[in-house]
Amino acid sequence: MSELIVYKANELAVSRYDLTEQETKLILYCIGCINPSLSGMTTQERTVEFGYQDYAKYMGISNDLAYKNLINSTRDLMNRSIELIYPVGDVERRIFNWAGLVEFNRKTQRVKIVFNEHLPPLLYQLKQFIKYNLEHVKSFKNKYSMRVYEWLLKELTQRKTNKANIKISIEDFKFMLMLENNYHEYKLLNHWVLKPISKDLNTYSNMKLTIEKQGRPADTLIFQVELDKQIDLVTELAKDLEPAQQEIRCSVTALSERLHDGLKKTLHDALTAHIQLTAFEAKFLSDMQSKYDLNGSFSWLSEKQRMTLEKILAKFGRI
């Protein structure tokens, strides 16, 4: 299985949400499957589909455990919200859920997840973003480790450096992780949150981390962080955002290939008089082929165009 690359807008990396470890891993897996160069505005572009066995293999767990995790994670995910805080402007905050639809297929043993319609600006056509390999976080044991990893990566990205001391007040840190009503004493925060985060990042990720406190009583955290020297972050930042290249069977690519294959066969059979198209069908299919040749994919298809194309191809048994 090829690498899965996670792209996220900086806003999302510092937004407020509370997911379990398994829910976070599922979300990141799905983000790794999407093509960030798309607009994400159509339902098709926001849909991720994969097999239970694919997920189990990537996460290094049994098929039965993968299915159980997917069921539990997706059920709870429908009620999980994201809260974006805007320090300036008329809009103070936006709150919405991660997913709009989850569907399990008994026959194909696959799950389909449709991201919320408000997520595209945070996952597609990004201007300021973080980028990392899912391999670097998929083994984390603590749910806050992934949040802190992304926040630190965002800070390093903005500073265009591999190494930095990053300060944050304990109040702001707890607010970001939605812990403002918990761990009022530093020793509790350190034991249950900070130490597990350090262990995860230092053991499993490409990031080395030391956390120190400041103040009497402690009111500030200093994250001494360094990315693996083998990673040239500055060079990475200079690159334009490229489409994620994955061999995993995500629904957008699979559907596009299936539709184009059926379209070619239908036009060929019409040309050789094996089938007869109506005037509307002939013009519609010809237009679809011309636009496909121009764009190299069907990512531009509207929901109505896709349904019409599928209906015509199904009529002649081409899908």
Protein backbone atom coordinates (compact mmCIF):
# COMPACT_ATOMS: atom_id res chain seq x y z
CA MET A 1 0.00 0.00 0.00
CA SER A 2 1.28 3.42 -0.97
CA GLU A 3 1.79 6.33 1.39
CA LEU A 4 -1.19 8.40 2.46
CA ILE A 5 -0.49 12.13 2.73
CA VAL A 6 -2.63 14.34 4.95
CA TYR A 7 -3.31 17.92 3.82
CA LYS A 8 -5.07 20.31 6.22
CA ALA A 9 -5.66 24.04 6.27
CA ASN A 10 -3.90 25.80 9.15
CA GLU A 11 -7.33 26.79 10.47
CA LEU A 12 -8.28 23.15 10.93
CA ALA A 13 -4.98 22.32 12.63
CA VAL A 14 -5.78 24.79 15.44
CA SER A 15 -9.57 24.41 15.52
CA ARG A 16 -11.46 23.07 18.53
CA TYR A 17 -12.74 19.50 18.36
CA ASP A 18 -12.68 16.45 20.59
CA LEU A 19 -12.28 13.08 18.88
CA THR A 20 -11.27 9.72 20.30
CA GLU A 21 -8.03 8.12 19.15
CA GLN A 22 -9.89 5.82 16.72
CA GLU A 23 -12.09 8.61 15.37
CA THR A 24 -9.03 10.78 14.72
CA LYS A 25 -7.23 7.97 12.88
CA LEU A 26 -10.30 7.34 10.72
CA ILE A 27 -10.62 11.03 9.82
CA LEU A 28 -6.93 11.25 8.90
CA TYR A 29 -7.16 8.06 6.82
CA CYS A 30 -10.09 9.56 4.90
CA ILE A 31 -8.27 12.87 4.41
CA GLY A 32 -5.30 10.91 3.08
CA CYS A 33 -7.59 9.37 0.45
CA ILE A 34 -8.95 12.60 -1.00
CA ASN A 35 -7.40 14.63 -3.79
CA PRO A 36 -6.71 18.12 -2.33
CA SER A 37 -6.43 19.68 -5.78
CA LEU A 38 -10.18 19.25 -6.34
CA SER A 39 -12.74 21.83 -5.24
CA GLY A 40 -14.51 19.44 -2.89
CA MET A 41 -17.82 21.14 -3.63
CA THR A 42 -19.57 18.16 -5.24
CA THR A 43 -20.80 15.21 -3.21
CA GLN A 44 -18.65 12.93 -5.35
CA GLU A 45 -15.46 14.86 -4.52
CA ARG A 46 -16.27 14.81 -0.80
CA THR A 47 -16.90 11.05 -0.78
CA VAL A 48 -14.30 8.54 0.39
CA GLU A 49 -14.87 4.80 -0.04
CA PHE A 50 -12.59 1.94 1.02
CA GLY A 51 -12.71 -1.71 2.06
CA TYR A 52 -12.61 -2.94 5.63
CA GLN A 53 -9.57 -5.07 4.78
CA ASP A 54 -7.72 -2.08 3.29
CA TYR A 55 -8.22 -0.16 6.53
CA ALA A 56 -7.19 -3.15 8.67
CA LYS A 57 -4.00 -3.68 6.67
CA TYR A 58 -2.97 -0.04 6.81
CA MET A 59 -3.61 0.27 10.55
CA GLY A 60 -1.95 -3.08 11.29
CA ILE A 61 -4.99 -4.62 12.99
CA SER A 62 -7.24 -7.62 12.37
CA ASN A 63 -10.18 -7.42 9.95
CA ASP A 64 -12.65 -8.03 12.78
CA LEU A 65 -11.16 -5.24 14.90
CA ALA A 66 -11.09 -2.89 11.91
CA TYR A 67 -14.79 -3.49 11.26
CA LYS A 68 -15.63 -2.95 14.94
CA ASN A 69 -13.58 0.27 15.07
CA LEU A 70 -15.19 1.57 11.89
CA ILE A 71 -18.70 0.91 13.17
CA ASN A 72 -18.06 2.58 16.53
CA SER A 73 -16.05 5.48 15.13
CA THR A 74 -18.46 6.40 12.34
CA ARG A 75 -21.51 6.15 14.61
CA ASP A 76 -20.03 8.61 17.08
CA LEU A 77 -18.47 10.74 14.37
CA MET A 78 -21.89 11.86 13.15
CA ASN A 79 -22.31 13.76 16.44
CA ARG A 80 -18.80 15.24 16.65
CA SER A 81 -18.43 18.93 15.86
CA ILE A 82 -15.62 21.20 14.71
CA GLU A 83 -15.44 24.73 16.09
CA LEU A 84 -13.49 27.39 14.19
CA ILE A 85 -12.65 30.59 16.07
CA TYR A 86 -12.09 33.81 14.09
CA PRO A 87 -10.22 36.52 16.07
CA VAL A 88 -11.21 39.28 13.62
CA GLY A 89 -14.12 39.95 11.26
CA ASP A 90 -17.89 39.82 11.62
CA VAL A 91 -18.04 36.03 12.00
CA GLU A 92 -16.86 35.05 15.48
CA ARG A 93 -17.02 31.25 15.08
CA ARG A 94 -18.39 28.43 12.92
CA ILE A 95 -19.52 25.04 14.24
CA PHE A 96 -20.37 22.00 12.08
CA ASN A 97 -20.00 18.22 12.01
CA TRP A 98 -17.32 16.16 10.27
CA ALA A 99 -19.50 13.85 8.17
CA GLY A 100 -22.86 14.14 6.42
CA LEU A 101 -23.34 10.46 5.59
CA VAL A 102 -21.79 7.08 6.42
CA GLU A 103 -22.78 3.92 4.54
CA PHE A 104 -21.66 0.31 5.06
CA ASN A 105 -22.07 -2.16 2.19
CA ARG A 106 -22.65 -5.75 3.28
CA LYS A 107 -21.95 -7.20 -0.18
CA THR A 108 -18.71 -5.37 -1.02
CA GLN A 109 -17.42 -5.07 2.55
CA ARG A 110 -16.74 -1.39 2.03
CA VAL A 111 -17.60 1.81 3.88
CA LYS A 112 -18.48 5.13 2.28
CA ILE A 113 -18.02 8.41 4.15
CA VAL A 114 -19.21 11.76 2.81
CA PHE A 115 -17.51 14.78 4.39
CA ASN A 116 -19.66 17.68 5.56
CA GLU A 117 -20.35 20.29 2.87
CA HIS A 118 -18.66 22.97 5.00
CA LEU A 119 -15.29 21.16 5.10
CA PRO A 120 -13.95 21.80 1.54
CA PRO A 121 -12.24 25.15 2.36
CA LEU A 122 -10.25 23.29 5.03
CA LEU A 123 -9.22 20.28 2.91
CA TYR A 124 -9.25 21.33 -0.75
CA GLN A 125 -7.53 24.00 -2.87
CA LEU A 126 -5.45 25.06 0.13
CA LYS A 127 -3.37 28.23 0.41
CA GLN A 128 -1.88 27.91 3.91
CA PHE A 129 -1.67 24.30 5.00
CA ILE A 130 0.21 21.53 6.75
CA LYS A 131 1.25 18.33 5.02
CA TYR A 132 2.47 15.08 6.56
CA ASN A 133 2.63 11.33 6.09
CA LEU A 134 -0.07 9.45 7.98
CA GLU A 135 2.59 6.89 8.93
CA HIS A 136 4.01 9.47 11.35
CA VAL A 137 0.90 9.53 13.55
CA LYS A 138 -1.09 6.34 12.99
CA SER A 139 0.56 4.54 15.94
CA PHE A 140 -0.15 7.24 18.52
CA LYS A 141 -1.85 5.96 21.67
CA ASN A 142 -3.18 9.26 23.05
CA LYS A 143 -5.91 11.22 21.27
CA TYR A 144 -4.27 14.58 22.04
CA SER A 145 -0.96 13.57 20.46
CA MET A 146 -2.28 14.02 16.91
CA ARG A 147 -3.71 17.44 17.72
CA VAL A 148 -0.42 18.65 19.19
CA TYR A 149 1.62 17.13 16.35
CA GLU A 150 -0.43 19.10 13.81
CA TRP A 151 -0.29 22.31 15.85
CA LEU A 152 3.51 22.08 16.17
CA LEU A 153 3.87 21.27 12.48
CA LYS A 154 1.76 24.32 11.66
CA GLU A 155 4.03 26.49 13.80
CA LEU A 156 7.19 25.11 12.15
CA THR A 157 5.64 25.52 8.71
CA GLN A 158 4.81 29.17 9.29
CA ARG A 159 8.32 29.83 10.63
CA LYS A 160 9.90 27.85 7.77
CA THR A 161 12.18 25.95 10.11
CA ASN A 162 12.76 22.39 11.30
CA LYS A 163 13.51 23.38 14.90
CA ALA A 164 11.95 25.87 17.33
CA ASN A 165 10.90 26.64 20.89
CA ILE A 166 7.17 27.28 20.78
CA LYS A 167 5.48 29.00 23.72
CA ILE A 168 1.79 28.86 24.57
CA SER A 169 -0.12 29.73 27.72
CA ILE A 170 -1.60 26.77 29.56
CA GLU A 171 -4.97 28.47 29.27
CA ASP A 172 -4.76 28.68 25.45
CA PHE A 173 -3.36 25.15 25.21
CA LYS A 174 -6.24 23.69 27.20
CA PHE A 175 -8.75 25.77 25.21
CA MET A 176 -7.42 24.35 21.91
CA LEU A 177 -7.81 20.79 23.21
CA MET A 178 -11.20 21.55 24.83
CA LEU A 179 -9.76 20.86 28.28
CA GLU A 180 -10.55 24.21 29.89
CA ASN A 181 -12.68 22.52 32.57
CA ASN A 182 -10.15 19.77 33.33
CA TYR A 183 -6.71 19.38 34.92
CA HIS A 184 -6.69 22.56 36.99
CA GLU A 185 -3.35 21.55 38.54
CA TYR A 186 -0.23 21.40 36.37
CA LYS A 187 0.85 18.03 37.79
CA LEU A 188 -2.43 16.47 36.58
CA LEU A 189 -2.12 18.05 33.14
CA ASN A 190 1.47 16.86 32.94
CA HIS A 191 0.65 13.30 34.01
CA TRP A 192 -2.45 12.71 31.88
CA VAL A 193 -1.79 14.87 28.82
CA LEU A 194 1.73 16.23 28.39
CA LYS A 195 3.73 13.10 29.22
CA PRO A 196 1.63 10.80 26.96
CA ILE A 197 1.99 13.34 24.13
CA SER A 198 5.78 13.47 24.50
CA LYS A 199 5.98 9.68 24.59
CA ASP A 200 3.91 9.30 21.43
CA LEU A 201 5.77 11.94 19.41
CA ASN A 202 9.22 10.78 20.50
CA THR A 203 8.44 7.08 19.98
CA TYR A 204 6.40 6.96 16.78
CA SER A 205 6.66 10.22 14.83
CA ASN A 206 9.31 12.10 12.86
CA MET A 207 9.27 14.78 15.55
CA LYS A 208 11.35 15.03 18.74
CA LEU A 209 9.77 16.90 21.62
CA THR A 210 10.60 18.19 25.08
CA ILE A 211 8.01 20.12 27.10
CA GLU A 212 8.95 22.55 29.86
CA LYS A 213 6.84 24.74 32.12
CA GLN A 214 7.30 28.41 32.98
CA GLY A 215 5.96 30.56 35.81
CA ARG A 216 5.18 30.15 39.51
CA PRO A 217 2.65 28.68 39.51
CA ALA A 218 3.08 27.30 36.01
CA ASP A 219 1.14 29.33 33.43
CA THR A 220 3.13 28.76 30.22
CA LEU A 221 4.32 25.73 28.27
CA ILE A 222 7.46 25.69 26.11
CA PHE A 223 7.52 23.03 23.39
CA GLN A 224 11.09 22.39 22.24
CA VAL A 225 10.44 20.62 18.94
CA GLU A 226 12.61 19.37 16.10
CA LEU A 227 11.62 17.55 12.92
CA ASP A 228 13.71 14.69 11.56
CA LYS A 229 16.73 16.26 9.83
CA GLN A 230 16.20 13.99 6.84
CA ILE A 231 13.08 15.98 6.03
CA ASP A 232 13.79 19.19 4.16
CA LEU A 233 10.81 21.18 5.38
CA VAL A 234 11.91 24.42 3.72
CA THR A 235 12.04 22.71 0.33
CA GLU A 236 8.65 21.15 0.97
CA LEU A 237 7.17 24.55 1.76
CA ALA A 238 8.47 25.96 -1.51
CA LYS A 239 6.58 23.41 -3.53
CA ASP A 240 3.14 24.09 -4.88
CA LEU A 241 0.37 21.87 -3.58
CA GLU A 242 0.37 18.70 -5.67
CA PRO A 243 -2.43 16.13 -5.93
CA ALA A 244 -1.97 13.30 -3.46
CA GLN A 245 -0.80 10.20 -5.32
CA GLN A 246 -2.28 7.09 -3.75
CA GLU A 247 -2.85 3.60 -5.11
CA ILE A 248 -5.64 3.04 -2.58
CA ARG A 249 -9.03 2.62 -4.17
CA CYS A 250 -10.75 5.84 -3.27
CA SER A 251 -14.16 6.31 -4.82
CA VAL A 252 -13.47 9.46 -6.88
CA THR A 253 -10.80 7.88 -9.07
CA ALA A 254 -12.59 4.55 -9.37
CA LEU A 255 -15.87 6.17 -10.40
CA SER A 256 -14.19 8.44 -12.94
CA GLU A 257 -12.40 5.52 -14.60
CA ARG A 258 -15.56 3.40 -14.66
CA LEU A 259 -17.64 6.16 -16.23
CA HIS A 260 -15.02 7.00 -18.85
CA ASP A 261 -14.58 3.35 -19.81
CA GLY A 262 -18.36 2.98 -20.26
CA LEU A 263 -18.51 6.25 -22.21
CA LYS A 264 -15.83 5.13 -24.68
CA LYS A 265 -17.51 1.78 -25.27
CA THR A 266 -20.92 3.38 -25.81
CA LEU A 267 -19.61 5.94 -28.32
CA HIS A 268 -17.65 3.22 -30.14
CA ASP A 269 -20.70 0.96 -30.40
CA ALA A 270 -22.81 3.87 -31.64
CA LEU A 271 -20.18 4.70 -34.25
CA THR A 272 -20.08 1.10 -35.47
CA ALA A 273 -23.93 0.93 -35.51
CA HIS A 274 -24.14 -1.72 -32.81
CA ILE A 275 -26.46 0.54 -30.82
CA GLN A 276 -28.61 3.54 -31.72
CA LEU A 277 -28.52 6.71 -29.64
CA THR A 278 -31.21 9.37 -29.47
CA ALA A 279 -30.24 12.88 -30.56
CA PHE A 280 -30.01 13.96 -26.91
CA GLU A 281 -27.91 10.94 -25.93
CA ALA A 282 -25.50 11.42 -28.84
CA LYS A 283 -24.97 15.12 -28.08
CA PHE A 284 -24.70 14.60 -24.31
CA LEU A 285 -22.16 11.77 -24.58
CA SER A 286 -20.14 13.68 -27.16
CA ASP A 287 -20.02 16.71 -24.85
CA MET A 288 -18.96 14.52 -21.93
CA GLN A 289 -16.13 13.01 -23.95
CA SER A 290 -14.91 16.43 -25.11
CA LYS A 291 -14.87 17.81 -21.56
CA TYR A 292 -13.13 14.68 -20.28
CA ASP A 293 -10.41 15.08 -22.93
CA LEU A 294 -9.98 18.71 -21.87
CA ASN A 295 -9.84 18.07 -18.10
CA GLY A 296 -8.39 14.55 -17.98
CA SER A 297 -11.01 13.39 -15.46
CA PHE A 298 -14.65 13.61 -14.46
CA SER A 299 -13.94 15.65 -11.29
CA TRP A 300 -15.94 18.55 -12.76
CA LEU A 301 -19.17 16.52 -13.11
CA SER A 302 -22.21 17.93 -11.34
CA GLU A 303 -24.54 15.53 -9.52
CA LYS A 304 -27.14 15.91 -12.29
CA GLN A 305 -24.62 15.28 -15.06
CA ARG A 306 -23.28 12.20 -13.29
CA MET A 307 -26.78 10.75 -12.83
CA THR A 308 -27.65 11.40 -16.48
CA LEU A 309 -24.41 9.81 -17.69
CA GLU A 310 -24.90 6.75 -15.48
CA LYS A 311 -28.51 6.38 -16.69
CA ILE A 312 -27.48 6.39 -20.36
CA LEU A 313 -24.57 4.00 -19.84
CA ALA A 314 -26.77 1.65 -17.79
CA LYS A 315 -29.37 1.66 -20.57
CA PHE A 316 -26.82 0.05 -22.89
CA GLY A 317 -25.26 -2.15 -20.20
CA ARG A 318 -21.97 -0.26 -20.10
CA ILE A 319 -21.79 0.07 -16.28
